[in-house]
Amino acid sequence: MKLRAIHTCDCAACQSGEAKTQLHHSQLNLLMSRLDERQRRWLAAVESNRIGRGGTGQLRTITGLDINTIRRGRQELAAAFTSNPVGRIREAGGGRKRIEKK
């Protein structure tokens, strides 16, 4: 598995050096760097829901994820993962076509 680069938080609290917040955000970004794309979406969605109003924008600043990615994660959480296949990262049919089909 290819490791993802660890994002550096750009929020005001981390820039000012607030130790407790800075530690939380760096640990969150470290964890995000070890997850696949679905799991990153879901973790960002959970944290966004925990924060409440403005959480999606805050998580975008903290993690560097696109705002639509976080929204998609929130929608998947709200739907209780009904459209997500078990054991797959992407939906069926995604990716490059097989050589035989070309």
Protein backbone atom coordinates (compact mmCIF):
# COMPACT_ATOMS: atom_id res chain seq x y z
CA MET A 1 0.00 0.00 0.00
CA LYS A 2 1.36 3.39 -0.99
CA LEU A 3 1.56 5.78 1.95
CA ARG A 4 -0.08 9.14 1.57
CA ALA A 5 1.69 12.34 2.57
CA ILE A 6 0.63 13.76 5.93
CA HIS A 7 -1.28 17.01 5.48
CA THR A 8 -0.29 20.03 7.57
CA CYS A 9 -3.26 21.81 9.13
CA ASP A 10 -3.84 25.40 8.01
CA CYS A 11 -6.35 26.42 10.69
CA ALA A 12 -5.84 29.55 12.79
CA ALA A 13 -5.44 27.59 16.04
CA CYS A 14 -2.60 25.49 14.62
CA GLN A 15 -0.93 28.53 13.07
CA SER A 16 -0.97 30.34 16.43
CA GLY A 17 0.57 27.31 18.16
CA GLU A 18 -2.33 26.22 20.38
CA ALA A 19 -0.81 22.95 21.64
CA LYS A 20 -3.93 20.87 22.40
CA THR A 21 -5.65 21.69 19.11
CA GLN A 22 -2.43 21.31 17.15
CA LEU A 23 -1.87 17.83 18.63
CA HIS A 24 -5.45 16.74 17.82
CA HIS A 25 -5.21 17.98 14.22
CA SER A 26 -1.80 16.41 13.62
CA GLN A 27 -3.04 13.06 14.98
CA LEU A 28 -6.15 13.29 12.81
CA ASN A 29 -4.02 13.98 9.72
CA LEU A 30 -1.65 11.14 10.61
CA LEU A 31 -4.60 8.75 10.83
CA MET A 32 -6.03 10.10 7.56
CA SER A 33 -2.73 9.37 5.81
CA ARG A 34 -3.07 5.66 6.64
CA LEU A 35 -6.69 5.20 5.49
CA ASP A 36 -8.07 4.48 2.02
CA GLU A 37 -10.26 7.02 0.24
CA ARG A 38 -13.58 5.70 1.58
CA GLN A 39 -12.36 5.56 5.16
CA ARG A 40 -10.95 9.11 4.91
CA ARG A 41 -14.34 10.32 3.68
CA TRP A 42 -16.15 8.60 6.53
CA LEU A 43 -13.77 9.78 9.24
CA ALA A 44 -14.02 13.35 7.96
CA ALA A 45 -17.82 13.01 7.93
CA VAL A 46 -17.92 11.78 11.53
CA GLU A 47 -15.67 14.62 12.69
CA SER A 48 -17.71 17.13 10.67
CA ASN A 49 -20.92 15.90 12.29
CA ARG A 50 -19.28 16.09 15.72
CA ILE A 51 -18.34 19.74 15.17
CA GLY A 52 -21.79 20.65 13.88
CA ARG A 53 -22.50 23.85 11.95
CA GLY A 54 -19.44 24.86 9.93
CA GLY A 55 -17.82 21.47 10.51
CA THR A 56 -17.43 20.66 6.83
CA GLY A 57 -15.47 23.83 6.18
CA GLN A 58 -13.36 23.32 9.27
CA LEU A 59 -12.51 19.74 8.26
CA ARG A 60 -11.56 20.98 4.80
CA THR A 61 -9.03 23.33 6.40
CA ILE A 62 -7.74 20.71 8.84
CA THR A 63 -7.44 17.72 6.46
CA GLY A 64 -7.10 19.30 3.02
CA LEU A 65 -9.97 17.16 1.68
CA ASP A 66 -12.34 18.67 -0.86
CA ILE A 67 -15.58 19.96 0.61
CA ASN A 68 -17.61 17.75 -1.76
CA THR A 69 -15.70 14.69 -0.53
CA ILE A 70 -16.69 15.45 3.05
CA ARG A 71 -20.31 16.06 1.99
CA ARG A 72 -20.35 12.74 0.16
CA GLY A 73 -19.09 11.03 3.31
CA ARG A 74 -21.86 12.66 5.34
CA GLN A 75 -24.45 11.45 2.81
CA GLU A 76 -23.04 7.91 2.93
CA LEU A 77 -23.15 7.94 6.73
CA ALA A 78 -26.73 9.22 6.74
CA ALA A 79 -27.74 6.42 4.35
CA ALA A 80 -26.03 3.86 6.64
CA PHE A 81 -23.66 2.74 3.83
CA THR A 82 -26.47 1.04 1.88
CA SER A 83 -24.91 1.88 -1.50
CA ASN A 84 -21.36 0.91 -0.54
CA PRO A 85 -20.21 -2.57 -1.56
CA VAL A 86 -18.53 -4.59 1.17
CA GLY A 87 -14.94 -5.57 0.43
CA ARG A 88 -14.47 -2.98 -2.33
CA ILE A 89 -13.00 0.50 -2.21
CA ARG A 90 -14.68 1.72 -5.38
CA GLU A 91 -18.02 0.90 -6.91
CA ALA A 92 -18.21 -1.84 -9.54
CA GLY A 93 -17.46 -0.63 -13.05
CA GLY A 94 -14.96 2.02 -12.01
CA GLY A 95 -11.40 2.22 -13.23
CA ARG A 96 -9.68 1.29 -16.45
CA LYS A 97 -11.37 -1.06 -18.92
CA ARG A 98 -9.84 -4.50 -19.45
CA ILE A 99 -7.49 -4.92 -22.42
CA GLU A 100 -9.68 -7.70 -23.91
CA LYS A 101 -12.62 -5.28 -24.13
CA LYS A 102 -10.61 -2.67 -26.03
